[in-house]
Amino acid sequence: MVLKKITPASEHAFSVVEHAPQVPKEFWIELDNFVNRNTIAETSDRNGKTKHYCMHCLKAHALKIAQQRGLKNGEMKLIGRLFEKNHLGHEGYYIDGENIIKI
């Protein structure tokens, strides 16, 4: 399967910091693991290394993991707001490593 819509791959660098204490630490660890699995490029400067990846795929994965872990509605809304400028995957799918996952 080929995703036809091309989106800039290294749009943002997302630092997995506990943005909200009410969201379980395991959720942020999974997002960090996702970033490590899906880093497209890594740049370095005097402040250290920055990993670049697709924020659309990260948003889709974050919301899917949040649902699977049964996070509360308020936590889900918070996660949605963290990624509000990004689309949810790519036309119903997102990439995780070598897998194309249906949202």
C-alpha atoms as a PDB file:
ATOM      1  CA  MET A   1       0.000   0.000   0.000  1.00  0.00           C
ATOM      2  CA  VAL A   2       1.277   3.464  -0.857  1.00  0.00           C
ATOM      3  CA  LEU A   3       0.136   6.626   0.865  1.00  0.00           C
ATOM      4  CA  LYS A   4      -0.470   9.029  -1.989  1.00  0.00           C
ATOM      5  CA  LYS A   5      -0.574  12.288  -0.078  1.00  0.00           C
ATOM      6  CA  ILE A   6       2.890  13.615   0.642  1.00  0.00           C
ATOM      7  CA  THR A   7       3.376  15.514   3.887  1.00  0.00           C
ATOM      8  CA  PRO A   8       6.613  17.092   5.073  1.00  0.00           C
ATOM      9  CA  ALA A   9       8.229  14.398   7.168  1.00  0.00           C
ATOM     10  CA  SER A  10      10.222  16.457   9.580  1.00  0.00           C
ATOM     11  CA  GLU A  11       7.680  19.080  10.503  1.00  0.00           C
ATOM     12  CA  HIS A  12       8.397  19.355  14.204  1.00  0.00           C
ATOM     13  CA  ALA A  13      10.488  18.027  16.979  1.00  0.00           C
ATOM     14  CA  PHE A  14       8.358  16.732  19.840  1.00  0.00           C
ATOM     15  CA  SER A  15       9.986  16.485  23.218  1.00  0.00           C
ATOM     16  CA  VAL A  16       8.263  13.909  25.370  1.00  0.00           C
ATOM     17  CA  VAL A  17       7.869  15.882  28.532  1.00  0.00           C
ATOM     18  CA  GLU A  18       5.057  15.239  30.939  1.00  0.00           C
ATOM     19  CA  HIS A  19       2.794  18.000  29.659  1.00  0.00           C
ATOM     20  CA  ALA A  20       0.013  17.014  32.025  1.00  0.00           C
ATOM     21  CA  PRO A  21       0.469  15.191  35.308  1.00  0.00           C
ATOM     22  CA  GLN A  22      -2.989  13.574  35.004  1.00  0.00           C
ATOM     23  CA  VAL A  23      -1.882  11.604  31.921  1.00  0.00           C
ATOM     24  CA  PRO A  24      -0.113   8.374  32.963  1.00  0.00           C
ATOM     25  CA  LYS A  25       3.673   8.276  32.619  1.00  0.00           C
ATOM     26  CA  GLU A  26       3.405   5.062  30.565  1.00  0.00           C
ATOM     27  CA  PHE A  27       1.550   7.007  27.871  1.00  0.00           C
ATOM     28  CA  TRP A  28       4.477   9.450  27.472  1.00  0.00           C
ATOM     29  CA  ILE A  29       6.944   6.544  27.465  1.00  0.00           C
ATOM     30  CA  GLU A  30       5.005   4.927  24.596  1.00  0.00           C
ATOM     31  CA  LEU A  31       5.077   8.211  22.643  1.00  0.00           C
ATOM     32  CA  ASP A  32       8.829   8.407  23.203  1.00  0.00           C
ATOM     33  CA  ASN A  33       9.181   4.823  21.928  1.00  0.00           C
ATOM     34  CA  PHE A  34       7.062   5.734  18.878  1.00  0.00           C
ATOM     35  CA  VAL A  35       9.351   8.695  18.137  1.00  0.00           C
ATOM     36  CA  ASN A  36      12.414   6.449  18.404  1.00  0.00           C
ATOM     37  CA  ARG A  37      10.864   3.881  16.040  1.00  0.00           C
ATOM     38  CA  ASN A  38       9.783   6.511  13.531  1.00  0.00           C
ATOM     39  CA  THR A  39      12.590   9.069  13.459  1.00  0.00           C
ATOM     40  CA  ILE A  40      13.134  10.131   9.856  1.00  0.00           C
ATOM     41  CA  ALA A  41      16.057  12.470  10.453  1.00  0.00           C
ATOM     42  CA  GLU A  42      18.150  13.575  13.372  1.00  0.00           C
ATOM     43  CA  THR A  43      19.881  16.933  13.551  1.00  0.00           C
ATOM     44  CA  SER A  44      22.443  18.256  15.978  1.00  0.00           C
ATOM     45  CA  ASP A  45      23.263  21.722  17.177  1.00  0.00           C
ATOM     46  CA  ARG A  46      24.852  23.221  20.264  1.00  0.00           C
ATOM     47  CA  ASN A  47      21.715  22.337  22.281  1.00  0.00           C
ATOM     48  CA  GLY A  48      21.945  18.644  21.430  1.00  0.00           C
ATOM     49  CA  LYS A  49      20.179  16.287  19.047  1.00  0.00           C
ATOM     50  CA  THR A  50      16.658  16.734  17.708  1.00  0.00           C
ATOM     51  CA  LYS A  51      14.644  13.877  16.234  1.00  0.00           C
ATOM     52  CA  HIS A  52      12.292  14.677  13.363  1.00  0.00           C
ATOM     53  CA  TYR A  53       9.251  12.617  12.438  1.00  0.00           C
ATOM     54  CA  CYS A  54       5.700  12.981  11.159  1.00  0.00           C
ATOM     55  CA  MET A  55       3.468  14.777  13.646  1.00  0.00           C
ATOM     56  CA  HIS A  56       0.340  13.511  11.842  1.00  0.00           C
ATOM     57  CA  CYS A  57       1.374   9.920  12.522  1.00  0.00           C
ATOM     58  CA  LEU A  58       2.311  10.759  16.110  1.00  0.00           C
ATOM     59  CA  LYS A  59      -1.105  12.339  16.724  1.00  0.00           C
ATOM     60  CA  ALA A  60      -2.896   9.274  15.330  1.00  0.00           C
ATOM     61  CA  HIS A  61      -0.766   6.935  17.434  1.00  0.00           C
ATOM     62  CA  ALA A  62      -1.221   9.054  20.564  1.00  0.00           C
ATOM     63  CA  LEU A  63      -5.000   9.042  20.295  1.00  0.00           C
ATOM     64  CA  LYS A  64      -5.109   5.319  19.483  1.00  0.00           C
ATOM     65  CA  ILE A  65      -2.929   4.475  22.498  1.00  0.00           C
ATOM     66  CA  ALA A  66      -4.999   6.779  24.715  1.00  0.00           C
ATOM     67  CA  GLN A  67      -8.170   4.930  23.687  1.00  0.00           C
ATOM     68  CA  GLN A  68      -6.554   1.516  24.187  1.00  0.00           C
ATOM     69  CA  ARG A  69      -5.395   2.503  27.678  1.00  0.00           C
ATOM     70  CA  GLY A  70      -8.824   3.822  28.566  1.00  0.00           C
ATOM     71  CA  LEU A  71      -7.805   7.374  29.320  1.00  0.00           C
ATOM     72  CA  LYS A  72     -10.595   9.611  30.561  1.00  0.00           C
ATOM     73  CA  ASN A  73     -12.421  12.095  28.333  1.00  0.00           C
ATOM     74  CA  GLY A  74     -10.597  15.099  29.813  1.00  0.00           C
ATOM     75  CA  GLU A  75      -7.229  13.440  29.239  1.00  0.00           C
ATOM     76  CA  MET A  76      -8.212  12.610  25.641  1.00  0.00           C
ATOM     77  CA  LYS A  77      -9.173  16.244  25.013  1.00  0.00           C
ATOM     78  CA  LEU A  78      -5.858  17.420  26.460  1.00  0.00           C
ATOM     79  CA  ILE A  79      -3.934  15.080  24.171  1.00  0.00           C
ATOM     80  CA  GLY A  80      -6.000  16.302  21.209  1.00  0.00           C
ATOM     81  CA  ARG A  81      -5.137  19.903  22.097  1.00  0.00           C
ATOM     82  CA  LEU A  82      -1.411  19.096  22.195  1.00  0.00           C
ATOM     83  CA  PHE A  83      -1.666  18.094  18.542  1.00  0.00           C
ATOM     84  CA  GLU A  84      -4.444  20.448  17.439  1.00  0.00           C
ATOM     85  CA  LYS A  85      -2.431  21.902  14.533  1.00  0.00           C
ATOM     86  CA  ASN A  86      -1.829  18.463  13.046  1.00  0.00           C
ATOM     87  CA  HIS A  87      -4.002  16.184  10.964  1.00  0.00           C
ATOM     88  CA  LEU A  88      -4.958  12.759  12.262  1.00  0.00           C
ATOM     89  CA  GLY A  89      -2.684  10.496  10.238  1.00  0.00           C
ATOM     90  CA  HIS A  90      -2.897  10.339   6.460  1.00  0.00           C
ATOM     91  CA  GLU A  91      -6.314   9.708   4.945  1.00  0.00           C
ATOM     92  CA  GLY A  92      -7.289   7.145   7.571  1.00  0.00           C
ATOM     93  CA  TYR A  93      -3.864   5.560   8.149  1.00  0.00           C
ATOM     94  CA  TYR A  94      -0.602   6.192   9.956  1.00  0.00           C
ATOM     95  CA  ILE A  95       2.843   4.637   9.822  1.00  0.00           C
ATOM     96  CA  ASP A  96       4.517   2.983  12.787  1.00  0.00           C
ATOM     97  CA  GLY A  97       7.900   1.552  11.893  1.00  0.00           C
ATOM     98  CA  GLU A  98       7.317  -0.696   8.886  1.00  0.00           C
ATOM     99  CA  ASN A  99       3.576  -1.031   9.528  1.00  0.00           C
ATOM    100  CA  ILE A 100       0.724   0.948   8.017  1.00  0.00           C
ATOM    101  CA  ILE A 101      -2.038   1.109  10.617  1.00  0.00           C
ATOM    102  CA  LYS A 102      -5.679   1.928   9.980  1.00  0.00           C
ATOM    103  CA  ILE A 103      -7.019   4.562  12.328  1.00  0.00           C
END
